[in-house]
Amino acid sequence: MNDKLLWQLIQKDDHLALKKVFELYYKIMCSYILQFTNDVNDTEDIVQTAFIKLWEKRHKIHITTSLKSYLFQTAYHLFIDETKKQNRKVSMLEKMKYEIITSYIEEDKEVSIERSKKIRKLINDLPDKCKEILLLSKEKGLKNKEIAVELNISIKTVESQIRIAFQKIRNNF
């Protein structure tokens, strides 16, 4: 049977004619679409959808080429549509990821700023000598021995004051 006769029978609701067309073209259509998708399951879904559309729209379709050509074009367009849909999904997911990460970064900045303010306040509330030793150590980067020499105190006093400062900050934080 040729394509024209099969198409006429399909338009007259002949299930056997559709089955014959399916048997004729399914495998070669799958081979064709597989070149684009590289996925057997996606390929089979696309090709089967092309046959379903042919059957569902059999009374509305006007085929100007061959039935085979129409089915191949339909399958190709279904592949293109599916690819566009997947690209939109990926794009939307990437946008959502970006927004989530950005919001976390902004939250982290806010938390970090608040944390810094609180630490700065706790440092300012330390006793003067303790605060001075801590700032020389952490802001100026002086070693304990250098601080001891500069302030004319023992290294043990410097270590003790730094420990006390950290303990008060931790406890109040």
Protein backbone atom coordinates (compact mmCIF):
# COMPACT_ATOMS: atom_id res chain seq x y z
CA MET A 1 0.00 0.00 0.00
CA ASN A 2 1.26 3.48 -0.79
CA ASP A 3 1.26 6.54 1.49
CA LYS A 4 -1.68 8.24 -0.24
CA LEU A 5 -3.96 5.24 0.18
CA LEU A 6 -2.86 4.74 3.79
CA TRP A 7 -3.52 8.42 4.51
CA GLN A 8 -6.99 8.23 2.98
CA LEU A 9 -7.77 5.18 5.11
CA ILE A 10 -6.47 6.92 8.25
CA GLN A 11 -8.72 9.89 7.51
CA LYS A 12 -11.61 7.41 7.36
CA ASP A 13 -10.72 6.26 10.92
CA ASP A 14 -8.99 3.04 9.87
CA HIS A 15 -6.90 1.86 12.83
CA LEU A 16 -5.22 -0.84 10.76
CA ALA A 17 -3.95 1.77 8.31
CA LEU A 18 -2.41 3.73 11.20
CA LYS A 19 -0.85 0.53 12.50
CA LYS A 20 0.62 -0.15 9.05
CA VAL A 21 2.08 3.39 8.88
CA PHE A 22 3.46 2.94 12.39
CA GLU A 23 5.12 -0.35 11.37
CA LEU A 24 6.56 1.26 8.23
CA TYR A 25 8.04 4.40 9.75
CA TYR A 26 8.46 4.04 13.52
CA LYS A 27 11.97 2.57 13.52
CA ILE A 28 13.41 4.90 10.88
CA MET A 29 11.84 7.90 12.57
CA CYS A 30 13.41 6.81 15.86
CA SER A 31 16.80 6.54 14.14
CA TYR A 32 16.33 10.00 12.70
CA ILE A 33 15.27 11.71 15.98
CA LEU A 34 17.88 9.82 18.00
CA GLN A 35 20.53 11.80 16.10
CA PHE A 36 19.23 14.93 17.82
CA THR A 37 18.27 13.71 21.28
CA ASN A 38 20.92 11.08 21.99
CA ASP A 39 18.36 9.57 24.37
CA VAL A 40 16.29 6.52 23.41
CA ASN A 41 13.41 7.26 25.81
CA ASP A 42 13.06 10.87 24.65
CA THR A 43 13.27 9.71 21.04
CA GLU A 44 10.52 7.14 21.47
CA ASP A 45 8.30 9.67 23.26
CA ILE A 46 8.73 12.19 20.44
CA VAL A 47 8.06 9.67 17.66
CA GLN A 48 5.03 8.20 19.43
CA THR A 49 3.68 11.72 19.98
CA ALA A 50 4.03 12.38 16.23
CA PHE A 51 1.83 9.36 15.49
CA ILE A 52 -0.67 10.37 18.17
CA LYS A 53 -0.92 13.87 16.67
CA LEU A 54 -1.41 12.37 13.23
CA TRP A 55 -4.30 10.28 14.51
CA GLU A 56 -5.88 13.01 16.62
CA LYS A 57 -5.76 15.61 13.83
CA ARG A 58 -6.46 13.24 10.92
CA HIS A 59 -9.62 15.13 9.95
CA LYS A 60 -7.97 18.58 10.05
CA ILE A 61 -4.57 17.89 8.48
CA HIS A 62 -3.91 18.60 4.81
CA ILE A 63 -0.73 16.82 3.79
CA THR A 64 0.87 18.42 0.75
CA THR A 65 3.99 16.25 0.81
CA SER A 66 4.21 12.53 1.48
CA LEU A 67 2.89 10.99 4.69
CA LYS A 68 6.44 9.92 5.55
CA SER A 69 7.74 13.46 5.10
CA TYR A 70 4.89 14.86 7.18
CA LEU A 71 5.64 12.45 10.04
CA PHE A 72 9.37 13.25 9.96
CA GLN A 73 8.66 16.99 9.99
CA THR A 74 6.20 16.59 12.84
CA ALA A 75 8.69 14.57 14.88
CA TYR A 76 11.44 17.11 14.21
CA HIS A 77 9.20 20.01 15.28
CA LEU A 78 8.22 18.10 18.42
CA PHE A 79 11.93 17.66 19.17
CA ILE A 80 12.52 21.42 18.68
CA ASP A 81 9.54 22.27 20.93
CA GLU A 82 10.77 19.87 23.63
CA THR A 83 14.27 21.31 23.44
CA LYS A 84 12.94 24.86 23.83
CA LYS A 85 10.82 23.77 26.78
CA GLN A 86 13.84 22.10 28.43
CA ASN A 87 15.97 25.21 27.81
CA ARG A 88 13.31 27.38 29.46
CA LYS A 89 13.24 25.04 32.45
CA VAL A 90 17.03 25.11 32.74
CA SER A 91 17.05 28.88 32.36
CA MET A 92 14.35 29.26 34.99
CA LEU A 93 16.19 26.91 37.38
CA GLU A 94 19.44 28.80 36.86
CA LYS A 95 17.64 32.07 37.58
CA MET A 96 16.09 30.62 40.74
CA LYS A 97 19.49 29.30 41.89
CA TYR A 98 21.05 32.70 41.28
CA GLU A 99 18.29 34.46 43.23
CA ILE A 100 18.59 32.04 46.15
CA ILE A 101 22.37 32.32 46.28
CA THR A 102 22.15 36.10 46.02
CA SER A 103 19.65 36.26 48.87
CA TYR A 104 21.92 34.07 51.02
CA ILE A 105 24.89 36.29 50.23
CA GLU A 106 22.86 39.39 51.13
CA GLU A 107 21.68 37.73 54.33
CA ASP A 108 25.26 36.74 55.12
CA LYS A 109 26.38 40.33 54.52
CA GLU A 110 23.69 41.64 56.85
CA VAL A 111 24.49 39.03 59.49
CA SER A 112 28.19 39.75 59.10
CA ILE A 113 27.65 43.50 59.45
CA GLU A 114 25.52 42.99 62.55
CA ARG A 115 28.08 40.58 63.98
CA SER A 116 30.89 43.08 63.35
CA LYS A 117 28.91 45.86 65.04
CA LYS A 118 28.24 43.68 68.05
CA ILE A 119 31.89 42.60 68.34
CA ARG A 120 33.04 46.23 67.98
CA LYS A 121 30.66 47.23 70.79
CA LEU A 122 31.88 44.37 73.00
CA ILE A 123 35.49 45.40 72.39
CA ASN A 124 34.66 49.01 73.26
CA ASP A 125 33.04 47.83 76.51
CA LEU A 126 36.23 46.03 77.62
CA PRO A 127 38.37 47.61 80.35
CA ASP A 128 40.81 50.13 78.85
CA LYS A 129 44.02 48.11 79.32
CA CYS A 130 42.38 44.90 78.06
CA LYS A 131 40.98 46.72 75.01
CA GLU A 132 44.34 48.35 74.25
CA ILE A 133 46.19 45.01 74.35
CA LEU A 134 43.56 43.28 72.18
CA LEU A 135 43.63 46.07 69.57
CA LEU A 136 47.44 46.05 69.43
CA SER A 137 47.33 42.31 68.89
CA LYS A 138 44.47 42.05 66.39
CA GLU A 139 44.34 45.39 64.60
CA LYS A 140 48.04 46.23 64.48
CA GLY A 141 49.19 42.61 64.33
CA LEU A 142 51.78 42.94 67.06
CA LYS A 143 53.11 39.81 68.74
CA ASN A 144 52.64 39.33 72.47
CA LYS A 145 56.33 40.08 73.14
CA GLU A 146 56.14 43.34 71.13
CA ILE A 147 53.04 44.41 73.06
CA ALA A 148 54.76 43.61 76.36
CA VAL A 149 57.76 45.74 75.38
CA GLU A 150 55.65 48.63 74.09
CA LEU A 151 53.43 48.77 77.19
CA ASN A 152 56.21 47.84 79.59
CA ILE A 153 54.34 44.81 81.01
CA SER A 154 55.08 41.07 81.16
CA ILE A 155 54.21 38.65 78.33
CA LYS A 156 52.08 36.70 80.82
CA THR A 157 50.00 39.83 81.47
CA VAL A 158 49.53 40.31 77.72
CA GLU A 159 48.46 36.66 77.26
CA SER A 160 46.15 36.90 80.27
CA GLN A 161 44.51 40.13 79.05
CA ILE A 162 43.96 38.70 75.54
CA ARG A 163 42.44 35.55 77.03
CA ILE A 164 40.16 37.66 79.28
CA ALA A 165 39.14 39.81 76.30
CA PHE A 166 38.20 36.79 74.18
CA GLN A 167 36.36 35.20 77.06
CA LYS A 168 34.26 38.33 77.69
CA ILE A 169 33.50 38.72 73.99
CA ARG A 170 32.50 35.04 73.65
CA ASN A 171 30.35 35.12 76.76
CA ASN A 172 28.49 38.27 75.69
CA PHE A 173 28.20 37.34 72.07
